[in-house]
PDB file of all heavy atoms in Angstrom:
ATOM      1  N   MET A   1      -9.722  -2.290  31.887  1.00  0.00           N
ATOM      2  CA  MET A   1      -8.400  -1.613  31.534  1.00  0.00           C
ATOM      3  C   MET A   1      -7.592  -2.532  30.700  1.00  0.00           C
ATOM      4  O   MET A   1      -6.838  -2.070  29.967  1.00  0.00           O
ATOM      5  CB  MET A   1      -7.696  -1.219  32.897  1.00  0.00           C
ATOM      6  CG  MET A   1      -7.655  -2.418  33.935  1.00  0.00           C
ATOM      7  SD  MET A   1      -6.246  -3.535  33.588  1.00  0.00           S
ATOM      8  CE  MET A   1      -4.929  -2.599  33.920  1.00  0.00           C
ATOM      9  N   ARG A   2      -7.652  -3.878  30.806  1.00  0.00           N
ATOM     10  CA  ARG A   2      -6.937  -4.802  29.919  1.00  0.00           C
ATOM     11  C   ARG A   2      -7.419  -4.667  28.531  1.00  0.00           C
ATOM     12  O   ARG A   2      -6.518  -4.590  27.587  1.00  0.00           O
ATOM     13  CB  ARG A   2      -7.074  -6.235  30.519  1.00  0.00           C
ATOM     14  CG  ARG A   2      -6.376  -6.453  31.864  1.00  0.00           C
ATOM     15  CD  ARG A   2      -6.728  -8.063  32.201  1.00  0.00           C
ATOM     16  NE  ARG A   2      -6.253  -8.393  33.436  1.00  0.00           N
ATOM     17  CZ  ARG A   2      -6.766  -8.165  34.627  1.00  0.00           C
ATOM     18  NH1 ARG A   2      -7.846  -7.546  34.650  1.00  0.00           N
ATOM     19  NH2 ARG A   2      -6.179  -8.639  35.731  1.00  0.00           N
ATOM     20  N   SER A   3      -8.623  -4.656  28.370  1.00  0.00           N
ATOM     21  CA  SER A   3      -9.124  -4.569  26.928  1.00  0.00           C
ATOM     22  C   SER A   3      -8.759  -3.144  26.363  1.00  0.00           C
ATOM     23  O   SER A   3      -8.411  -3.063  25.178  1.00  0.00           O
ATOM     24  CB  SER A   3     -10.718  -4.705  26.912  1.00  0.00           C
ATOM     25  OG  SER A   3     -11.119  -5.994  27.423  1.00  0.00           O
ATOM     26  N   GLU A   4      -8.819  -2.151  27.154  1.00  0.00           N
ATOM     27  CA  GLU A   4      -8.507  -0.844  26.744  1.00  0.00           C
ATOM     28  C   GLU A   4      -6.924  -0.765  26.346  1.00  0.00           C
ATOM     29  O   GLU A   4      -6.555  -0.254  25.375  1.00  0.00           O
ATOM     30  CB  GLU A   4      -8.701   0.309  27.795  1.00  0.00           C
ATOM     31  CG  GLU A   4     -10.276   0.449  27.962  1.00  0.00           C
ATOM     32  CD  GLU A   4     -10.540   1.335  29.070  1.00  0.00           C
ATOM     33  OE1 GLU A   4      -9.898   1.240  30.211  1.00  0.00           O
ATOM     34  OE2 GLU A   4     -11.501   2.166  28.932  1.00  0.00           O
ATOM     35  N   ARG A   5      -6.240  -1.420  27.065  1.00  0.00           N
ATOM     36  CA  ARG A   5      -4.761  -1.505  26.798  1.00  0.00           C
ATOM     37  C   ARG A   5      -4.532  -2.413  25.472  1.00  0.00           C
ATOM     38  O   ARG A   5      -3.553  -1.987  24.724  1.00  0.00           O
ATOM     39  CB  ARG A   5      -3.942  -2.188  28.073  1.00  0.00           C
ATOM     40  CG  ARG A   5      -2.545  -2.354  27.862  1.00  0.00           C
ATOM     41  CD  ARG A   5      -1.753  -2.890  29.044  1.00  0.00           C
ATOM     42  NE  ARG A   5      -1.978  -2.012  30.307  1.00  0.00           N
ATOM     43  CZ  ARG A   5      -1.518  -2.354  31.522  1.00  0.00           C
ATOM     44  NH1 ARG A   5      -0.893  -3.462  31.654  1.00  0.00           N
ATOM     45  NH2 ARG A   5      -1.763  -1.389  32.450  1.00  0.00           N
ATOM     46  N   ILE A   6      -5.231  -3.367  25.290  1.00  0.00           N
ATOM     47  CA  ILE A   6      -5.216  -4.074  24.074  1.00  0.00           C
ATOM     48  C   ILE A   6      -5.334  -3.233  22.862  1.00  0.00           C
ATOM     49  O   ILE A   6      -4.659  -3.151  21.910  1.00  0.00           O
ATOM     50  CB  ILE A   6      -6.216  -5.266  23.994  1.00  0.00           C
ATOM     51  CG1 ILE A   6      -5.603  -6.513  24.947  1.00  0.00           C
ATOM     52  CG2 ILE A   6      -6.300  -5.817  22.587  1.00  0.00           C
ATOM     53  CD1 ILE A   6      -6.612  -7.647  25.120  1.00  0.00           C
ATOM     54  N   THR A   7      -6.374  -2.433  22.988  1.00  0.00           N
ATOM     55  CA  THR A   7      -6.793  -1.616  21.810  1.00  0.00           C
ATOM     56  C   THR A   7      -5.791  -0.505  21.664  1.00  0.00           C
ATOM     57  O   THR A   7      -5.385  -0.013  20.467  1.00  0.00           O
ATOM     58  CB  THR A   7      -8.107  -0.875  21.921  1.00  0.00           C
ATOM     59  OG1 THR A   7      -8.147  -0.062  23.222  1.00  0.00           O
ATOM     60  CG2 THR A   7      -9.317  -1.857  22.035  1.00  0.00           C
ATOM     61  N   SER A   8      -5.123  -0.035  22.670  1.00  0.00           N
ATOM     62  CA  SER A   8      -4.179   1.011  22.649  1.00  0.00           C
ATOM     63  C   SER A   8      -2.763   0.361  21.988  1.00  0.00           C
ATOM     64  O   SER A   8      -2.214   1.053  21.036  1.00  0.00           O
ATOM     65  CB  SER A   8      -3.759   1.416  24.063  1.00  0.00           C
ATOM     66  OG  SER A   8      -2.793   2.467  24.036  1.00  0.00           O
ATOM     67  N   LEU A   9      -2.411  -0.756  22.437  1.00  0.00           N
ATOM     68  CA  LEU A   9      -1.208  -1.412  21.897  1.00  0.00           C
ATOM     69  C   LEU A   9      -1.459  -1.798  20.273  1.00  0.00           C
ATOM     70  O   LEU A   9      -0.620  -1.673  19.450  1.00  0.00           O
ATOM     71  CB  LEU A   9      -0.824  -2.598  22.705  1.00  0.00           C
ATOM     72  CG  LEU A   9      -0.182  -2.355  24.037  1.00  0.00           C
ATOM     73  CD1 LEU A   9       0.012  -3.548  24.825  1.00  0.00           C
ATOM     74  CD2 LEU A   9       1.154  -1.586  23.894  1.00  0.00           C
ATOM     75  N   ALA A  10      -2.714  -2.224  20.034  1.00  0.00           N
ATOM     76  CA  ALA A  10      -2.929  -2.601  18.785  1.00  0.00           C
ATOM     77  C   ALA A  10      -2.891  -1.432  17.719  1.00  0.00           C
ATOM     78  O   ALA A  10      -2.348  -1.678  16.713  1.00  0.00           O
ATOM     79  CB  ALA A  10      -4.357  -3.223  18.737  1.00  0.00           C
ATOM     80  N   ARG A  11      -3.304  -0.438  18.167  1.00  0.00           N
ATOM     81  CA  ARG A  11      -3.174   0.871  17.332  1.00  0.00           C
ATOM     82  C   ARG A  11      -1.701   1.063  17.045  1.00  0.00           C
ATOM     83  O   ARG A  11      -1.414   1.524  15.796  1.00  0.00           O
ATOM     84  CB  ARG A  11      -3.745   2.043  18.143  1.00  0.00           C
ATOM     85  CG  ARG A  11      -4.064   3.255  17.322  1.00  0.00           C
ATOM     86  CD  ARG A  11      -4.747   4.336  18.265  1.00  0.00           C
ATOM     87  NE  ARG A  11      -5.770   3.727  19.065  1.00  0.00           N
ATOM     88  CZ  ARG A  11      -6.106   4.116  20.180  1.00  0.00           C
ATOM     89  NH1 ARG A  11      -5.407   4.924  20.837  1.00  0.00           N
ATOM     90  NH2 ARG A  11      -7.198   3.689  20.770  1.00  0.00           N
ATOM     91  N   HIS A  12      -0.861   0.925  17.987  1.00  0.00           N
ATOM     92  CA  HIS A  12       0.623   1.135  17.676  1.00  0.00           C
ATOM     93  C   HIS A  12       1.169   0.055  16.729  1.00  0.00           C
ATOM     94  O   HIS A  12       1.866   0.531  15.767  1.00  0.00           O
ATOM     95  CB  HIS A  12       1.398   1.031  18.983  1.00  0.00           C
ATOM     96  CG  HIS A  12       2.866   1.186  18.934  1.00  0.00           C
ATOM     97  ND1 HIS A  12       3.358   2.322  18.380  1.00  0.00           N
ATOM     98  CD2 HIS A  12       3.857   0.428  19.247  1.00  0.00           C
ATOM     99  CE1 HIS A  12       4.674   2.342  18.270  1.00  0.00           C
ATOM    100  NE2 HIS A  12       5.088   1.108  18.800  1.00  0.00           N
ATOM    101  N   VAL A  13       0.781  -1.230  16.890  1.00  0.00           N
ATOM    102  CA  VAL A  13       1.193  -2.236  15.928  1.00  0.00           C
ATOM    103  C   VAL A  13       0.745  -1.922  14.565  1.00  0.00           C
ATOM    104  O   VAL A  13       1.498  -2.084  13.624  1.00  0.00           O
ATOM    105  CB  VAL A  13       0.665  -3.603  16.447  1.00  0.00           C
ATOM    106  CG1 VAL A  13       1.118  -4.623  15.310  1.00  0.00           C
ATOM    107  CG2 VAL A  13       1.439  -3.965  17.713  1.00  0.00           C
ATOM    108  N   ILE A  14      -0.510  -1.554  14.447  1.00  0.00           N
ATOM    109  CA  ILE A  14      -1.147  -1.281  13.080  1.00  0.00           C
ATOM    110  C   ILE A  14      -0.439  -0.122  12.308  1.00  0.00           C
ATOM    111  O   ILE A  14      -0.122  -0.298  11.190  1.00  0.00           O
ATOM    112  CB  ILE A  14      -2.551  -1.111  13.087  1.00  0.00           C
ATOM    113  CG1 ILE A  14      -3.333  -2.434  13.671  1.00  0.00           C
ATOM    114  CG2 ILE A  14      -3.217  -0.625  11.865  1.00  0.00           C
ATOM    115  CD1 ILE A  14      -4.714  -2.093  14.098  1.00  0.00           C
ATOM    116  N   THR A  15      -0.146   0.864  13.103  1.00  0.00           N
ATOM    117  CA  THR A  15       0.546   2.017  12.542  1.00  0.00           C
ATOM    118  C   THR A  15       2.003   1.743  12.157  1.00  0.00           C
ATOM    119  O   THR A  15       2.555   2.357  11.156  1.00  0.00           O
ATOM    120  CB  THR A  15       0.552   3.298  13.503  1.00  0.00           C
ATOM    121  OG1 THR A  15       1.149   2.895  14.783  1.00  0.00           O
ATOM    122  CG2 THR A  15      -0.962   3.664  13.621  1.00  0.00           C
ATOM    123  N   LEU A  16       2.661   0.825  12.882  1.00  0.00           N
ATOM    124  CA  LEU A  16       3.976   0.468  12.572  1.00  0.00           C
ATOM    125  C   LEU A  16       4.073  -0.168  11.148  1.00  0.00           C
ATOM    126  O   LEU A  16       5.322  -0.170  10.609  1.00  0.00           O
ATOM    127  CB  LEU A  16       4.528  -0.624  13.566  1.00  0.00           C
ATOM    128  CG  LEU A  16       4.964   0.064  14.946  1.00  0.00           C
ATOM    129  CD1 LEU A  16       5.439  -0.967  15.996  1.00  0.00           C
ATOM    130  CD2 LEU A  16       6.233   1.035  14.779  1.00  0.00           C
ATOM    131  N   THR A  17       3.068  -0.804  10.662  1.00  0.00           N
ATOM    132  CA  THR A  17       3.167  -1.340   9.344  1.00  0.00           C
ATOM    133  C   THR A  17       3.536  -0.262   8.209  1.00  0.00           C
ATOM    134  O   THR A  17       4.196  -0.589   7.223  1.00  0.00           O
ATOM    135  CB  THR A  17       1.923  -1.993   8.926  1.00  0.00           C
ATOM    136  OG1 THR A  17       0.796  -1.087   8.900  1.00  0.00           O
ATOM    137  CG2 THR A  17       1.564  -3.239   9.951  1.00  0.00           C
ATOM    138  N   MET A  18       3.080   0.973   8.657  1.00  0.00           N
ATOM    139  CA  MET A  18       3.406   1.968   7.542  1.00  0.00           C
ATOM    140  C   MET A  18       4.924   2.244   7.447  1.00  0.00           C
ATOM    141  O   MET A  18       5.448   2.519   6.394  1.00  0.00           O
ATOM    142  CB  MET A  18       2.796   3.299   8.110  1.00  0.00           C
ATOM    143  CG  MET A  18       1.245   3.286   7.822  1.00  0.00           C
ATOM    144  SD  MET A  18       0.711   2.953   6.086  1.00  0.00           S
ATOM    145  CE  MET A  18       1.476   4.357   5.311  1.00  0.00           C
ATOM    146  N   ASP A  19       5.599   1.968   8.652  1.00  0.00           N
ATOM    147  CA  ASP A  19       7.092   2.094   8.641  1.00  0.00           C
ATOM    148  C   ASP A  19       7.732   1.126   7.584  1.00  0.00           C
ATOM    149  O   ASP A  19       8.525   1.500   6.784  1.00  0.00           O
ATOM    150  CB  ASP A  19       7.627   1.832  10.033  1.00  0.00           C
ATOM    151  CG  ASP A  19       7.673   3.094  10.877  1.00  0.00           C
ATOM    152  OD1 ASP A  19       7.150   4.095  10.440  1.00  0.00           O
ATOM    153  OD2 ASP A  19       7.977   2.896  12.040  1.00  0.00           O
ATOM    154  N   THR A  20       7.361  -0.121   7.718  1.00  0.00           N
ATOM    155  CA  THR A  20       8.075  -1.087   6.779  1.00  0.00           C
ATOM    156  C   THR A  20       7.396  -0.905   5.396  1.00  0.00           C
ATOM    157  O   THR A  20       8.254  -1.222   4.405  1.00  0.00           O
ATOM    158  CB  THR A  20       7.674  -2.520   7.249  1.00  0.00           C
ATOM    159  OG1 THR A  20       6.234  -2.658   7.547  1.00  0.00           O
ATOM    160  CG2 THR A  20       8.343  -2.895   8.563  1.00  0.00           C
ATOM    161  N   ASN A  21       6.232  -0.542   5.217  1.00  0.00           N
ATOM    162  CA  ASN A  21       5.673  -0.328   3.784  1.00  0.00           C
ATOM    163  C   ASN A  21       6.458   0.810   3.159  1.00  0.00           C
ATOM    164  O   ASN A  21       6.868   0.667   1.969  1.00  0.00           O
ATOM    165  CB  ASN A  21       4.255   0.047   3.861  1.00  0.00           C
ATOM    166  CG  ASN A  21       3.324  -1.106   4.402  1.00  0.00           C
ATOM    167  OD1 ASN A  21       3.797  -2.237   4.309  1.00  0.00           O
ATOM    168  ND2 ASN A  21       2.039  -0.798   4.654  1.00  0.00           N
ATOM    169  N   ILE A  22       6.696   1.952   3.837  1.00  0.00           N
ATOM    170  CA  ILE A  22       7.335   2.989   3.309  1.00  0.00           C
ATOM    171  C   ILE A  22       8.800   2.674   3.098  1.00  0.00           C
ATOM    172  O   ILE A  22       9.425   3.119   2.088  1.00  0.00           O
ATOM    173  CB  ILE A  22       7.077   4.252   4.238  1.00  0.00           C
ATOM    174  CG1 ILE A  22       5.710   4.678   4.160  1.00  0.00           C
ATOM    175  CG2 ILE A  22       7.991   5.395   3.653  1.00  0.00           C
ATOM    176  CD1 ILE A  22       5.282   5.705   5.163  1.00  0.00           C
ATOM    177  N   THR A  23       9.368   2.076   4.021  1.00  0.00           N
ATOM    178  CA  THR A  23      10.752   1.639   3.935  1.00  0.00           C
ATOM    179  C   THR A  23      10.996   0.799   2.633  1.00  0.00           C
ATOM    180  O   THR A  23      11.925   1.011   1.896  1.00  0.00           O
ATOM    181  CB  THR A  23      11.254   0.783   5.119  1.00  0.00           C
ATOM    182  OG1 THR A  23      11.244   1.766   6.281  1.00  0.00           O
ATOM    183  CG2 THR A  23      12.636   0.364   5.014  1.00  0.00           C
ATOM    184  N   THR A  24      10.135  -0.126   2.529  1.00  0.00           N
ATOM    185  CA  THR A  24      10.105  -1.055   1.318  1.00  0.00           C
ATOM    186  C   THR A  24      10.210  -0.176  -0.096  1.00  0.00           C
ATOM    187  O   THR A  24      11.044  -0.417  -0.903  1.00  0.00           O
ATOM    188  CB  THR A  24       9.051  -1.919   1.127  1.00  0.00           C
ATOM    189  OG1 THR A  24       9.021  -2.810   2.229  1.00  0.00           O
ATOM    190  CG2 THR A  24       9.101  -2.873  -0.121  1.00  0.00           C
ATOM    191  N   VAL A  25       9.385   0.740  -0.192  1.00  0.00           N
ATOM    192  CA  VAL A  25       9.279   1.463  -1.428  1.00  0.00           C
ATOM    193  C   VAL A  25      10.372   2.574  -1.621  1.00  0.00           C
ATOM    194  O   VAL A  25      10.559   3.105  -2.693  1.00  0.00           O
ATOM    195  CB  VAL A  25       7.793   2.084  -1.561  1.00  0.00           C
ATOM    196  CG1 VAL A  25       6.897   1.022  -1.538  1.00  0.00           C
ATOM    197  CG2 VAL A  25       7.651   3.292  -0.600  1.00  0.00           C
ATOM    198  N   THR A  26      11.128   2.865  -0.599  1.00  0.00           N
ATOM    199  CA  THR A  26      12.139   3.962  -0.662  1.00  0.00           C
ATOM    200  C   THR A  26      13.554   3.429  -0.709  1.00  0.00           C
ATOM    201  O   THR A  26      14.367   4.258  -0.563  1.00  0.00           O
ATOM    202  CB  THR A  26      11.946   4.970   0.548  1.00  0.00           C
ATOM    203  OG1 THR A  26      11.943   4.359   1.813  1.00  0.00           O
ATOM    204  CG2 THR A  26      10.579   5.666   0.421  1.00  0.00           C
ATOM    205  N   GLN A  27      13.679   2.110  -0.838  1.00  0.00           N
ATOM    206  CA  GLN A  27      15.044   1.633  -0.990  1.00  0.00           C
ATOM    207  C   GLN A  27      15.548   1.893  -2.409  1.00  0.00           C
ATOM    208  O   GLN A  27      14.842   1.675  -3.417  1.00  0.00           O
ATOM    209  CB  GLN A  27      15.117   0.137  -0.721  1.00  0.00           C
ATOM    210  CG  GLN A  27      14.823  -0.253   0.681  1.00  0.00           C
ATOM    211  CD  GLN A  27      15.681   0.408   1.763  1.00  0.00           C
ATOM    212  OE1 GLN A  27      16.882  -0.027   1.810  1.00  0.00           O
ATOM    213  NE2 GLN A  27      15.248   1.431   2.294  1.00  0.00           N
ATOM    214  N   TRP A  28      16.765   2.462  -2.473  1.00  0.00           N
ATOM    215  CA  TRP A  28      17.370   2.841  -3.734  1.00  0.00           C
ATOM    216  C   TRP A  28      18.247   1.736  -4.354  1.00  0.00           C
ATOM    217  O   TRP A  28      19.236   1.213  -3.718  1.00  0.00           O
ATOM    218  CB  TRP A  28      18.235   3.966  -3.598  1.00  0.00           C
ATOM    219  CG  TRP A  28      17.527   5.252  -3.320  1.00  0.00           C
ATOM    220  CD1 TRP A  28      16.166   5.417  -2.989  1.00  0.00           C
ATOM    221  CD2 TRP A  28      18.134   6.539  -2.952  1.00  0.00           C
ATOM    222  NE1 TRP A  28      15.876   6.747  -2.721  1.00  0.00           N
ATOM    223  CE2 TRP A  28      17.040   7.433  -2.652  1.00  0.00           C
ATOM    224  CE3 TRP A  28      19.357   7.085  -2.987  1.00  0.00           C
ATOM    225  CZ2 TRP A  28      17.219   8.778  -2.329  1.00  0.00           C
ATOM    226  CZ3 TRP A  28      19.616   8.360  -2.687  1.00  0.00           C
ATOM    227  CH2 TRP A  28      18.581   9.228  -2.378  1.00  0.00           C
ATOM    228  N   LEU A  29      17.911   1.200  -5.473  1.00  0.00           N
ATOM    229  CA  LEU A  29      18.802   0.380  -6.359  1.00  0.00           C
ATOM    230  C   LEU A  29      19.310  -0.827  -5.438  1.00  0.00           C
ATOM    231  O   LEU A  29      18.470  -1.626  -4.825  1.00  0.00           O
ATOM    232  CB  LEU A  29      19.925   1.157  -6.828  1.00  0.00           C
ATOM    233  CG  LEU A  29      19.459   2.333  -7.800  1.00  0.00           C
ATOM    234  CD1 LEU A  29      20.656   3.190  -8.253  1.00  0.00           C
ATOM    235  CD2 LEU A  29      18.657   1.889  -8.870  1.00  0.00           C
ATOM    236  N   GLU A  30      20.559  -1.094  -5.381  1.00  0.00           N
ATOM    237  CA  GLU A  30      21.134  -2.248  -4.576  1.00  0.00           C
ATOM    238  C   GLU A  30      21.272  -1.951  -3.045  1.00  0.00           C
ATOM    239  O   GLU A  30      21.323  -3.000  -2.304  1.00  0.00           O
ATOM    240  CB  GLU A  30      22.478  -2.676  -5.126  1.00  0.00           C
ATOM    241  CG  GLU A  30      22.550  -3.424  -6.507  1.00  0.00           C
ATOM    242  CD  GLU A  30      22.026  -2.572  -7.611  1.00  0.00           C
ATOM    243  OE1 GLU A  30      22.422  -1.418  -7.744  1.00  0.00           O
ATOM    244  OE2 GLU A  30      21.166  -3.021  -8.487  1.00  0.00           O
ATOM    245  N   ARG A  31      21.238  -0.789  -2.569  1.00  0.00           N
ATOM    246  CA  ARG A  31      21.295  -0.613  -1.203  1.00  0.00           C
ATOM    247  C   ARG A  31      21.236   0.976  -0.790  1.00  0.00           C
ATOM    248  O   ARG A  31      21.799   1.772  -1.502  1.00  0.00           O
ATOM    249  CB  ARG A  31      22.676  -1.114  -0.672  1.00  0.00           C
ATOM    250  CG  ARG A  31      23.097  -0.728   0.764  1.00  0.00           C
ATOM    251  CD  ARG A  31      22.088  -1.332   1.725  1.00  0.00           C
ATOM    252  NE  ARG A  31      22.521  -1.329   3.127  1.00  0.00           N
ATOM    253  CZ  ARG A  31      21.746  -1.232   4.195  1.00  0.00           C
ATOM    254  NH1 ARG A  31      20.438  -1.037   3.993  1.00  0.00           N
ATOM    255  NH2 ARG A  31      22.237  -1.232   5.456  1.00  0.00           N
ATOM    256  N   THR A  32      20.447   1.268   0.214  1.00  0.00           N
ATOM    257  CA  THR A  32      20.523   2.567   0.830  1.00  0.00           C
ATOM    258  C   THR A  32      20.349   2.333   2.385  1.00  0.00           C
ATOM    259  O   THR A  32      19.890   1.354   2.796  1.00  0.00           O
ATOM    260  CB  THR A  32      19.353   3.431   0.276  1.00  0.00           C
ATOM    261  OG1 THR A  32      19.529   4.683   0.833  1.00  0.00           O
ATOM    262  CG2 THR A  32      18.067   2.807   0.551  1.00  0.00           C
ATOM    263  N   LEU A  33      20.768   3.316   3.127  1.00  0.00           N
ATOM    264  CA  LEU A  33      20.903   3.157   4.568  1.00  0.00           C
ATOM    265  C   LEU A  33      19.757   3.758   5.344  1.00  0.00           C
ATOM    266  O   LEU A  33      19.738   3.682   6.547  1.00  0.00           O
ATOM    267  CB  LEU A  33      22.259   3.674   5.091  1.00  0.00           C
ATOM    268  CG  LEU A  33      22.692   3.166   6.444  1.00  0.00           C
ATOM    269  CD1 LEU A  33      22.765   1.633   6.493  1.00  0.00           C
ATOM    270  CD2 LEU A  33      23.980   3.670   6.898  1.00  0.00           C
ATOM    271  N   ASP A  34      18.814   4.288   4.711  1.00  0.00           N
ATOM    272  CA  ASP A  34      17.721   4.910   5.283  1.00  0.00           C
ATOM    273  C   ASP A  34      16.728   3.974   5.853  1.00  0.00           C
ATOM    274  O   ASP A  34      15.709   4.445   6.488  1.00  0.00           O
ATOM    275  CB  ASP A  34      17.010   6.011   4.424  1.00  0.00           C
ATOM    276  CG  ASP A  34      16.315   5.374   3.236  1.00  0.00           C
ATOM    277  OD1 ASP A  34      16.664   4.243   2.890  1.00  0.00           O
ATOM    278  OD2 ASP A  34      15.596   6.082   2.521  1.00  0.00           O
ATOM    279  N   ASP A  35      16.970   2.730   5.729  1.00  0.00           N
ATOM    280  CA  ASP A  35      16.168   1.697   6.410  1.00  0.00           C
ATOM    281  C   ASP A  35      16.645   1.421   7.796  1.00  0.00           C
ATOM    282  O   ASP A  35      15.868   0.992   8.653  1.00  0.00           O
ATOM    283  CB  ASP A  35      15.985   0.505   5.536  1.00  0.00           C
ATOM    284  CG  ASP A  35      17.503  -0.198   5.353  1.00  0.00           C
ATOM    285  OD1 ASP A  35      18.569   0.622   5.557  1.00  0.00           O
ATOM    286  OD2 ASP A  35      17.569  -1.361   5.101  1.00  0.00           O
ATOM    287  N   SER A  36      17.876   1.633   8.071  1.00  0.00           N
ATOM    288  CA  SER A  36      18.475   0.966   9.236  1.00  0.00           C
ATOM    289  C   SER A  36      17.845   1.456  10.615  1.00  0.00           C
ATOM    290  O   SER A  36      17.422   0.773  11.447  1.00  0.00           O
ATOM    291  CB  SER A  36      20.000   1.376   9.217  1.00  0.00           C
ATOM    292  OG  SER A  36      20.578   0.805  10.394  1.00  0.00           O
ATOM    293  N   ALA A  37      17.874   2.867  10.762  1.00  0.00           N
ATOM    294  CA  ALA A  37      17.476   3.377  12.069  1.00  0.00           C
ATOM    295  C   ALA A  37      15.914   3.012  12.338  1.00  0.00           C
ATOM    296  O   ALA A  37      15.435   2.567  13.335  1.00  0.00           O
ATOM    297  CB  ALA A  37      17.598   4.813  12.099  1.00  0.00           C
ATOM    298  N   ASN A  38      15.135   3.100  11.279  1.00  0.00           N
ATOM    299  CA  ASN A  38      13.671   2.786  11.263  1.00  0.00           C
ATOM    300  C   ASN A  38      13.496   1.252  11.640  1.00  0.00           C
ATOM    301  O   ASN A  38      12.764   0.799  12.452  1.00  0.00           O
ATOM    302  CB  ASN A  38      13.118   3.101  10.017  1.00  0.00           C
ATOM    303  CG  ASN A  38      11.538   2.946  10.032  1.00  0.00           C
ATOM    304  OD1 ASN A  38      11.049   1.770   9.993  1.00  0.00           O
ATOM    305  ND2 ASN A  38      10.824   4.066  10.048  1.00  0.00           N
ATOM    306  N   LYS A  39      14.306   0.464  10.934  1.00  0.00           N
ATOM    307  CA  LYS A  39      14.109  -1.013  11.134  1.00  0.00           C
ATOM    308  C   LYS A  39      14.419  -1.446  12.517  1.00  0.00           C
ATOM    309  O   LYS A  39      13.929  -2.329  13.155  1.00  0.00           O
ATOM    310  CB  LYS A  39      15.067  -1.674  10.066  1.00  0.00           C
ATOM    311  CG  LYS A  39      15.071  -3.192   9.985  1.00  0.00           C
ATOM    312  CD  LYS A  39      15.937  -3.506   8.782  1.00  0.00           C
ATOM    313  CE  LYS A  39      16.179  -5.016   8.754  1.00  0.00           C
ATOM    314  NZ  LYS A  39      15.043  -5.858   8.563  1.00  0.00           N
ATOM    315  N   ARG A  40      15.444  -0.867  13.028  1.00  0.00           N
ATOM    316  CA  ARG A  40      15.844  -1.037  14.464  1.00  0.00           C
ATOM    317  C   ARG A  40      14.794  -0.868  15.557  1.00  0.00           C
ATOM    318  O   ARG A  40      14.689  -1.446  16.520  1.00  0.00           O
ATOM    319  CB  ARG A  40      17.128  -0.226  14.967  1.00  0.00           C
ATOM    320  CG  ARG A  40      18.434  -0.532  14.391  1.00  0.00           C
ATOM    321  CD  ARG A  40      19.472   0.509  14.683  1.00  0.00           C
ATOM    322  NE  ARG A  40      20.701   0.303  13.882  1.00  0.00           N
ATOM    323  CZ  ARG A  40      21.785  -0.148  14.244  1.00  0.00           C
ATOM    324  NH1 ARG A  40      21.756  -0.564  15.550  1.00  0.00           N
ATOM    325  NH2 ARG A  40      22.843  -0.174  13.543  1.00  0.00           N
ATOM    326  N   ILE A  41      13.931  -0.061  15.093  1.00  0.00           N
ATOM    327  CA  ILE A  41      12.736   0.390  16.068  1.00  0.00           C
ATOM    328  C   ILE A  41      11.485  -0.442  15.723  1.00  0.00           C
ATOM    329  O   ILE A  41      10.938  -1.019  16.513  1.00  0.00           O
ATOM    330  CB  ILE A  41      12.432   2.035  15.997  1.00  0.00           C
ATOM    331  CG1 ILE A  41      13.746   2.708  16.324  1.00  0.00           C
ATOM    332  CG2 ILE A  41      11.343   2.254  16.856  1.00  0.00           C
ATOM    333  CD1 ILE A  41      13.653   4.133  16.162  1.00  0.00           C
ATOM    334  N   SER A  42      11.179  -0.332  14.437  1.00  0.00           N
ATOM    335  CA  SER A  42       9.740  -0.712  14.055  1.00  0.00           C
ATOM    336  C   SER A  42       9.604  -2.121  14.140  1.00  0.00           C
ATOM    337  O   SER A  42       8.509  -2.701  14.582  1.00  0.00           O
ATOM    338  CB  SER A  42       9.430  -0.306  12.676  1.00  0.00           C
ATOM    339  OG  SER A  42      10.427  -0.893  11.729  1.00  0.00           O
ATOM    340  N   VAL A  43      10.690  -3.020  13.824  1.00  0.00           N
ATOM    341  CA  VAL A  43      10.481  -4.559  13.882  1.00  0.00           C
ATOM    342  C   VAL A  43      10.441  -5.006  15.218  1.00  0.00           C
ATOM    343  O   VAL A  43       9.410  -5.653  15.554  1.00  0.00           O
ATOM    344  CB  VAL A  43      11.521  -5.189  12.983  1.00  0.00           C
ATOM    345  CG1 VAL A  43      11.513  -6.729  13.107  1.00  0.00           C
ATOM    346  CG2 VAL A  43      11.374  -4.799  11.462  1.00  0.00           C
ATOM    347  N   PRO A  44      11.332  -4.630  16.113  1.00  0.00           N
ATOM    348  CA  PRO A  44      11.259  -5.200  17.412  1.00  0.00           C
ATOM    349  C   PRO A  44      10.021  -4.686  18.232  1.00  0.00           C
ATOM    350  O   PRO A  44       9.364  -5.446  18.841  1.00  0.00           O
ATOM    351  CB  PRO A  44      12.489  -4.595  18.187  1.00  0.00           C
ATOM    352  CG  PRO A  44      13.517  -4.455  17.050  1.00  0.00           C
ATOM    353  CD  PRO A  44      12.660  -4.027  15.886  1.00  0.00           C
TER     354      PRO A  44
END
């Protein structure tokens, strides 16, 4: 069960990288606020 839990949590971490990747490419010019709500969740 511990190993299974590792694989389960790892799946979540790996998919979270998509949040930051997409956030990076969708920032407008000098500032946009569509990063904020996502960043509060994905990074922690």
